[in-house]
Protein backbone atom coordinates (compact mmCIF):
# COMPACT_ATOMS: atom_id res chain seq x y z
CA MET A 1 68.01 158.16 126.44
CA HIS A 2 66.12 161.36 127.16
CA ARG A 3 65.50 163.32 123.94
CA PRO A 4 64.00 166.76 124.49
CA GLU A 5 62.80 168.91 121.66
CA ILE A 6 65.37 171.66 121.14
CA VAL A 7 64.00 175.19 120.82
CA LEU A 8 66.20 177.64 118.90
CA PRO A 9 64.99 181.25 119.16
CA CYS A 10 66.35 182.97 116.03
CA LEU A 11 66.51 186.46 114.62
CA ASP A 12 68.48 186.67 111.37
CA GLU A 13 70.56 183.55 111.95
CA ALA A 14 70.54 182.13 108.41
CA GLU A 15 74.35 182.22 108.27
CA ALA A 16 74.89 180.37 111.55
CA LEU A 17 72.02 177.87 111.43
CA PRO A 18 73.53 175.16 109.18
CA GLY A 19 76.45 174.70 111.57
CA VAL A 20 74.22 174.90 114.64
CA LEU A 21 71.78 172.28 113.35
CA ALA A 22 74.58 169.95 112.26
CA ALA A 23 76.10 170.04 115.75
CA LEU A 24 72.91 169.11 117.64
CA PRO A 25 72.50 165.64 119.15
CA PRO A 26 71.38 163.31 116.33
CA GLY A 27 67.75 162.29 116.31
CA TRP A 28 66.52 165.07 118.59
CA PRO A 29 63.54 167.07 117.28
CA VAL A 30 64.31 170.73 116.59
CA LEU A 31 61.97 173.72 116.63
CA VAL A 32 63.24 177.02 115.22
CA VAL A 33 61.29 180.08 116.32
CA ASP A 34 61.69 182.80 113.70
CA ASN A 35 61.46 186.07 115.62
CA GLY A 36 60.84 188.39 112.68
CA SER A 37 63.94 187.65 110.61
CA VAL A 38 64.52 189.55 107.39
CA ASP A 39 67.00 186.99 106.06
CA ASP A 40 66.41 183.34 105.08
CA THR A 41 66.37 181.96 108.63
CA ALA A 42 63.09 180.07 108.20
CA ALA A 43 63.97 178.64 104.80
CA VAL A 44 67.43 177.52 105.94
CA ALA A 45 65.95 175.89 109.05
CA ARG A 46 63.39 173.93 107.02
CA ALA A 47 66.01 172.91 104.45
CA HIS A 48 68.03 171.35 107.26
CA GLY A 49 65.10 169.42 108.72
CA ALA A 50 63.91 171.71 111.51
CA ARG A 51 60.30 172.53 112.25
CA VAL A 52 59.64 176.29 112.14
CA VAL A 53 57.11 178.53 113.89
CA ALA A 54 56.92 182.31 113.62
CA GLU A 55 56.77 184.78 116.50
CA PRO A 56 56.48 188.29 115.03
CA ARG A 57 56.61 190.03 118.42
CA ARG A 58 60.27 190.94 118.84
CA GLY A 59 61.91 189.80 122.04
CA TYR A 60 63.96 186.89 123.31
CA GLY A 61 61.31 185.96 125.86
CA ALA A 62 58.55 186.09 123.26
CA ALA A 63 60.45 183.72 120.98
CA VAL A 64 61.33 181.31 123.79
CA HIS A 65 57.80 181.22 125.18
CA THR A 66 56.26 180.61 121.76
CA GLY A 67 58.73 177.80 121.26
CA LEU A 68 57.85 176.29 124.63
CA GLU A 69 54.13 176.42 123.85
CA ASN A 70 54.70 174.65 120.53
CA THR A 71 56.87 171.80 121.81
CA THR A 72 55.46 168.30 122.07
CA THR A 73 58.00 166.46 124.27
CA GLU A 74 58.08 166.00 128.03
CA LEU A 75 61.53 167.60 128.27
CA VAL A 76 62.47 170.78 126.42
CA ALA A 77 65.93 172.17 125.70
CA PHE A 78 66.77 175.76 124.76
CA LEU A 79 69.81 176.92 122.86
CA ASP A 80 70.72 180.10 121.00
CA GLY A 81 70.81 179.77 117.24
CA ASP A 82 74.10 181.60 116.76
CA GLY A 83 76.51 178.70 117.22
CA SER A 84 78.27 180.15 120.25
CA LEU A 85 77.31 177.40 122.71
CA ASP A 86 78.57 173.82 122.53
CA ALA A 87 75.51 171.62 122.06
CA ALA A 88 77.50 168.54 123.11
CA VAL A 89 76.55 169.28 126.72
CA LEU A 90 72.82 168.81 126.04
CA PRO A 91 72.61 165.01 126.53
CA ALA A 92 74.12 165.25 130.02
CA MET A 93 71.81 168.14 130.87
CA ALA A 94 68.79 166.21 129.63
CA ASP A 95 69.84 163.16 131.64
CA ALA A 96 70.10 165.24 134.82
CA VAL A 97 66.49 166.37 134.45
CA GLY A 98 65.06 163.21 132.91
CA SER A 99 66.52 161.03 135.67
CA GLY A 100 65.02 163.27 138.36
CA ARG A 101 68.36 164.48 139.76
CA ALA A 102 67.49 168.08 138.86
CA ASP A 103 64.46 170.14 137.95
CA LEU A 104 66.44 172.49 135.75
CA ALA A 105 69.80 172.06 134.03
CA VAL A 106 71.65 175.19 132.95
CA GLY A 107 75.01 176.02 131.42
CA ARG A 108 77.87 178.04 132.86
CA ARG A 109 79.78 179.57 129.97
CA VAL A 110 83.51 178.88 129.68
CA PRO A 111 84.53 181.52 127.14
CA GLU A 112 87.17 181.18 124.48
CA ALA A 113 89.32 184.22 123.76
CA GLY A 114 87.35 187.06 122.22
CA SER A 115 83.95 185.37 122.54
CA TRP A 116 82.48 187.37 125.44
CA PRO A 117 82.91 191.19 125.48
CA TRP A 118 83.86 192.67 128.84
CA HIS A 119 80.64 194.68 129.18
CA ALA A 120 78.41 191.64 128.67
CA ARG A 121 80.53 189.50 130.98
CA ALA A 122 80.53 192.14 133.72
CA GLY A 123 76.75 192.61 133.57
CA ASN A 124 76.19 188.87 133.70
CA ALA A 125 78.53 188.48 136.71
CA LEU A 126 76.74 191.19 138.69
CA ILE A 127 73.32 189.69 138.11
CA ALA A 128 74.51 186.15 138.85
CA ALA A 129 76.03 187.39 142.13
CA GLU A 130 72.68 188.87 143.10
CA LEU A 131 70.97 185.58 142.28
CA ARG A 132 73.36 183.71 144.57
CA ARG A 133 72.69 186.27 147.30
CA ARG A 134 69.02 185.34 146.96
CA GLY A 135 69.78 181.64 147.24
CA VAL A 136 69.81 180.66 143.55
CA ALA A 137 73.16 178.90 143.18
CA VAL A 138 74.18 179.82 139.63
CA HIS A 139 77.16 181.69 138.19
CA ASP A 140 75.74 182.54 134.78
CA ILE A 141 72.50 183.41 133.02
CA ALA A 142 73.39 181.35 129.98
CA PRO A 143 70.83 180.82 127.20
CA ILE A 144 71.14 177.02 127.32
CA ARG A 145 68.84 175.05 129.59
CA VAL A 146 66.74 171.89 129.91
CA ALA A 147 63.58 171.41 131.97
CA ARG A 148 60.21 169.69 131.88
CA ARG A 149 57.73 171.42 129.59
CA ASP A 150 54.76 171.44 131.96
CA ALA A 151 56.87 172.60 134.89
CA LEU A 152 58.22 175.53 132.88
CA LEU A 153 54.76 176.56 131.79
CA GLY A 154 53.65 176.32 135.41
CA LEU A 155 56.22 178.90 136.51
CA GLY A 156 54.15 181.60 134.80
CA ILE A 157 57.11 183.55 133.40
CA ALA A 158 55.77 186.90 132.16
CA ASP A 159 58.82 188.66 130.68
CA ARG A 160 58.93 188.59 126.90
CA ALA A 161 62.19 190.47 126.42
CA PHE A 162 65.78 190.00 127.64
CA GLY A 163 64.65 189.47 131.23
CA TYR A 164 63.14 186.05 130.51
CA PRO A 165 66.15 183.92 131.60
CA LEU A 166 66.50 185.85 134.84
CA GLU A 167 62.81 185.62 135.68
CA LEU A 168 62.98 181.89 135.01
CA LEU A 169 65.82 181.48 137.51
CA LEU A 170 64.11 183.70 140.10
CA ARG A 171 60.86 181.77 139.85
CA ALA A 172 62.63 178.41 139.82
CA GLY A 173 64.52 179.43 142.96
CA SER A 174 61.33 180.56 144.69
CA ALA A 175 59.69 177.25 143.77
CA GLY A 176 62.55 175.30 145.32
CA TRP A 177 63.76 173.77 142.06
CA ARG A 178 66.98 171.78 142.14
CA ILE A 179 69.31 173.40 139.62
CA ASP A 180 72.16 171.56 137.95
CA GLU A 181 74.75 173.98 136.54
CA ARG A 182 77.50 172.60 134.34
CA PRO A 183 80.24 174.16 132.18
CA VAL A 184 79.63 174.75 128.50
CA ARG A 185 82.18 175.95 125.96
CA TYR A 186 81.37 179.44 124.68
CA SER A 187 82.94 180.52 121.39
CA ARG A 188 82.49 183.19 118.76
CA ARG A 189 79.09 183.11 117.08
CA GLY A 190 78.80 181.34 113.76
CA GLY A 191 77.69 184.45 111.88
CA GLY A 192 75.96 187.79 112.19
CA ARG A 193 76.04 189.97 115.27
CA SER A 194 74.79 189.34 118.80
CA LYS A 195 71.63 191.21 119.77
CA VAL A 196 72.88 191.45 123.37
CA SER A 197 76.63 191.22 123.81
CA GLY A 198 77.47 192.55 120.35
CA SER A 199 77.19 196.16 121.49
CA LEU A 200 77.13 198.31 124.61
CA THR A 201 73.58 199.31 123.70
CA GLY A 202 72.42 195.70 123.53
CA THR A 203 74.07 194.85 126.82
CA ALA A 204 72.57 197.94 128.49
CA ARG A 205 69.10 196.99 127.23
CA ALA A 206 69.44 193.49 128.62
CA VAL A 207 70.72 194.71 131.99
CA ARG A 208 67.84 197.20 132.13
CA ASP A 209 65.27 194.46 131.51
CA MET A 210 66.86 192.23 134.15
CA ALA A 211 67.38 194.97 136.73
CA GLY A 212 63.65 195.62 136.81
CA LEU A 213 63.10 192.04 137.95
CA LEU A 214 65.54 192.40 140.88
CA ARG A 215 63.89 195.38 142.50
């Protein structure tokens, strides 16, 4: 069985983390990246057996990249720490990459009622359509993925904000990576408020960061 280290980028996710960590595949190492939380995110993560590193520079990409640099396994998985994504899909994603059938496994969110605000869903659909136009066959820019650590580092992703997942897909497409996209259940977060889809402002900021990469 392929067992990647799971990177959870977290900003104020103390409420959601116990449920998230309990739902992860048993026996997989977990690295929580505390992205400047003002709650007990780090303490909760350690109490539930996760390794913790701090990344004080705010930004999704900064947290993810720091997590990637601090992993120790050949394969690395990434998952939001808010409990919205079903971690049960991770073993199949890891197997797709570990067996050599894909270079990158990503999730395509299947939302439950009320889990994905219209503004966030619309922005995601527009950007995914542009990716397909450019030859990257995905339908989502979901924050759940599995790839080989060294290969990800080799892509040279520079964005340290909300544009990180898009730049990853653009660079993977340019490099000719085989991408395996599979459905993943998307539900309401386990606590707190989303930094992206939780508000029009957050969605607009994410779309702005991503739009700059598509010019």
